[in-house]
């Protein structure tokens, strides 16, 4: 009786090992991983899209929660912007009080930027925010970098 039990345990262990091993080596594309794990989408953009040297443009970050989730305005939201490529950023630190439209489902913050030089420029963002549903709130940190060309 104990040898039958040992065989069943060994068979279960082998089956689990094959199943677990298959999961670890599965090739999942980046878009599938994002669709499976993210509770939101993040978009970083400039407007106009073609930024001109010494002309004002707008830099905008938008966080759109997936269905069933929301970005709370009462939980801490922080965004810090920086650039090492000579971009003048009108406002570089944001909280939930700075959302463009606090009542919208997709929350965004935006600021005016002026690029001092033509060529490749970058703006780095450091974000901390909470995405919630009816049961829990989860903290997220993102560090998106927007690289864009500035024309003369």
Protein backbone atom coordinates (compact mmCIF):
# COMPACT_ATOMS: atom_id res chain seq x y z
CA UNK A 1 0.00 0.00 0.00
CA UNK A 2 2.82 2.41 0.79
CA UNK A 3 4.56 1.62 -2.53
CA UNK A 4 1.38 2.53 -4.45
CA UNK A 5 1.16 5.75 -2.46
CA UNK A 6 4.84 6.52 -3.22
CA UNK A 7 4.26 5.93 -6.92
CA UNK A 8 1.26 8.29 -6.88
CA UNK A 9 3.28 10.97 -5.08
CA UNK A 10 6.19 10.53 -7.52
CA UNK A 11 3.83 10.71 -10.52
CA UNK A 12 2.24 13.85 -9.10
CA UNK A 13 5.66 15.39 -8.49
CA UNK A 14 6.78 14.59 -12.05
CA UNK A 15 3.57 15.99 -13.51
CA UNK A 16 3.88 19.13 -11.40
CA UNK A 17 7.53 19.52 -12.41
CA UNK A 18 6.65 19.26 -16.10
CA UNK A 19 3.75 21.69 -15.68
CA UNK A 20 5.79 24.19 -13.63
CA UNK A 21 8.74 23.89 -15.98
CA UNK A 22 6.54 24.51 -18.99
CA UNK A 23 5.22 27.68 -17.36
CA UNK A 24 8.70 28.97 -16.61
CA UNK A 25 9.97 28.57 -20.14
CA UNK A 26 6.87 29.81 -21.96
CA UNK A 27 7.66 32.70 -24.28
CA UNK A 28 5.19 35.47 -23.47
CA UNK A 29 5.42 38.64 -25.54
CA UNK A 30 5.74 42.03 -23.83
CA UNK A 31 2.27 43.06 -24.99
CA UNK A 32 0.74 39.89 -23.52
CA UNK A 33 2.57 40.44 -20.23
CA UNK A 34 1.27 43.99 -20.11
CA UNK A 35 -2.28 42.88 -20.87
CA UNK A 36 -2.13 40.18 -18.18
CA UNK A 37 -0.53 42.17 -15.38
CA UNK A 38 -1.25 45.87 -15.77
CA UNK A 39 -4.27 47.46 -14.19
CA UNK A 40 -3.73 50.63 -16.21
CA UNK A 41 -2.17 52.10 -19.33
CA UNK A 42 0.37 54.89 -19.24
CA UNK A 43 0.82 57.43 -22.03
CA UNK A 44 3.49 60.15 -22.20
CA UNK A 45 3.33 62.70 -25.02
CA UNK A 46 4.15 66.18 -26.27
CA UNK A 47 1.82 68.54 -28.04
CA UNK A 48 2.39 69.51 -30.72
CA UNK A 49 4.06 66.24 -31.62
CA UNK A 50 6.74 68.10 -33.62
CA UNK A 51 8.37 70.27 -30.95
CA UNK A 52 10.26 73.35 -32.19
CA UNK A 53 13.31 74.94 -30.58
CA UNK A 54 12.50 77.93 -28.30
CA UNK A 55 8.73 77.45 -28.81
CA UNK A 56 6.37 76.47 -26.00
CA UNK A 57 4.95 72.94 -26.11
CA UNK A 58 2.96 70.80 -23.69
CA UNK A 59 4.23 67.65 -21.97
CA UNK A 60 1.46 65.34 -20.68
CA UNK A 61 1.29 62.11 -18.69
CA UNK A 62 -2.00 60.18 -18.71
CA UNK A 63 -2.82 57.16 -16.54
CA UNK A 64 -5.92 55.26 -17.65
CA UNK A 65 -7.13 52.54 -15.25
CA UNK A 66 -8.50 49.35 -16.80
CA UNK A 67 -12.20 48.58 -16.39
CA UNK A 68 -13.09 47.91 -12.74
CA UNK A 69 -10.17 49.99 -11.42
CA UNK A 70 -9.61 53.65 -10.69
CA UNK A 71 -6.80 56.01 -9.82
CA UNK A 72 -7.77 57.51 -6.46
CA UNK A 73 -7.29 61.20 -5.81
CA UNK A 74 -7.23 60.73 -2.01
CA UNK A 75 -4.28 58.33 -2.06
CA UNK A 76 -0.81 59.78 -2.66
CA UNK A 77 0.02 60.67 -6.23
CA UNK A 78 3.47 62.05 -7.02
CA UNK A 79 5.10 62.92 -10.31
CA UNK A 80 8.53 64.50 -10.70
CA UNK A 81 9.91 65.56 -14.06
CA UNK A 82 13.53 66.20 -14.98
CA UNK A 83 15.65 66.70 -18.06
CA UNK A 84 19.38 66.69 -18.61
CA UNK A 85 19.10 67.94 -22.21
CA UNK A 86 18.35 71.63 -21.65
CA UNK A 87 14.55 71.59 -21.50
CA UNK A 88 12.87 74.28 -19.44
CA UNK A 89 10.02 72.62 -17.53
CA UNK A 90 7.46 75.11 -16.17
CA UNK A 91 6.23 72.78 -13.39
CA UNK A 92 8.30 69.75 -12.42
CA UNK A 93 6.47 68.33 -9.35
CA UNK A 94 2.84 67.23 -9.22
CA UNK A 95 0.36 65.85 -6.68
CA UNK A 96 -3.29 64.74 -7.04
CA UNK A 97 -4.31 68.39 -6.68
CA UNK A 98 -2.68 69.02 -10.09
CA UNK A 99 -4.77 66.61 -12.21
CA UNK A 100 -6.03 68.30 -15.37
CA UNK A 101 -9.55 66.94 -14.71
CA UNK A 102 -9.87 65.24 -11.30
CA UNK A 103 -13.33 63.82 -12.18
CA UNK A 104 -12.20 62.07 -15.37
CA UNK A 105 -11.54 58.33 -15.27
CA UNK A 106 -8.20 58.83 -17.06
CA UNK A 107 -6.08 61.13 -14.90
CA UNK A 108 -3.49 63.38 -16.49
CA UNK A 109 -1.02 66.08 -15.52
CA UNK A 110 0.54 68.47 -17.98
CA UNK A 111 3.03 71.30 -18.07
CA UNK A 112 4.56 73.72 -20.51
CA UNK A 113 8.06 72.93 -21.82
CA UNK A 114 10.53 74.93 -23.89
CA UNK A 115 13.46 73.22 -25.58
CA UNK A 116 16.64 75.29 -25.75
CA UNK A 117 18.39 73.18 -28.38
CA UNK A 118 17.45 71.26 -31.50
CA UNK A 119 18.07 67.53 -31.82
CA UNK A 120 17.27 64.66 -29.47
CA UNK A 121 15.83 65.70 -26.11
CA UNK A 122 14.55 63.70 -23.14
CA UNK A 123 12.21 64.16 -20.22
CA UNK A 124 12.35 61.67 -17.36
CA UNK A 125 9.40 61.16 -15.04
CA UNK A 126 9.27 59.48 -11.65
CA UNK A 127 5.69 58.47 -10.79
CA UNK A 128 4.09 56.97 -7.67
CA UNK A 129 0.35 56.30 -7.64
CA UNK A 130 -2.34 53.90 -6.42
CA UNK A 131 -4.77 51.94 -8.60
CA UNK A 132 -7.79 50.66 -6.67
CA UNK A 133 -10.86 48.50 -7.05
CA UNK A 134 -13.64 47.69 -4.56
CA UNK A 135 -11.40 45.34 -2.58
CA UNK A 136 -7.90 46.82 -2.50
CA UNK A 137 -5.49 49.55 -3.54
CA UNK A 138 -2.12 48.73 -5.06
CA UNK A 139 0.88 51.06 -5.22
CA UNK A 140 2.72 51.45 -8.52
CA UNK A 141 5.98 53.17 -9.45
CA UNK A 142 6.84 54.03 -13.03
CA UNK A 143 9.82 55.84 -14.56
CA UNK A 144 8.84 56.64 -18.13
CA UNK A 145 11.32 58.44 -20.36
CA UNK A 146 10.15 60.41 -23.37
CA UNK A 147 12.77 60.92 -26.09
CA UNK A 148 11.80 63.23 -28.92
CA UNK A 149 13.34 65.25 -31.73
CA UNK A 150 13.27 69.04 -31.57
CA UNK A 151 13.40 70.90 -34.88
CA UNK A 152 15.06 74.29 -35.46
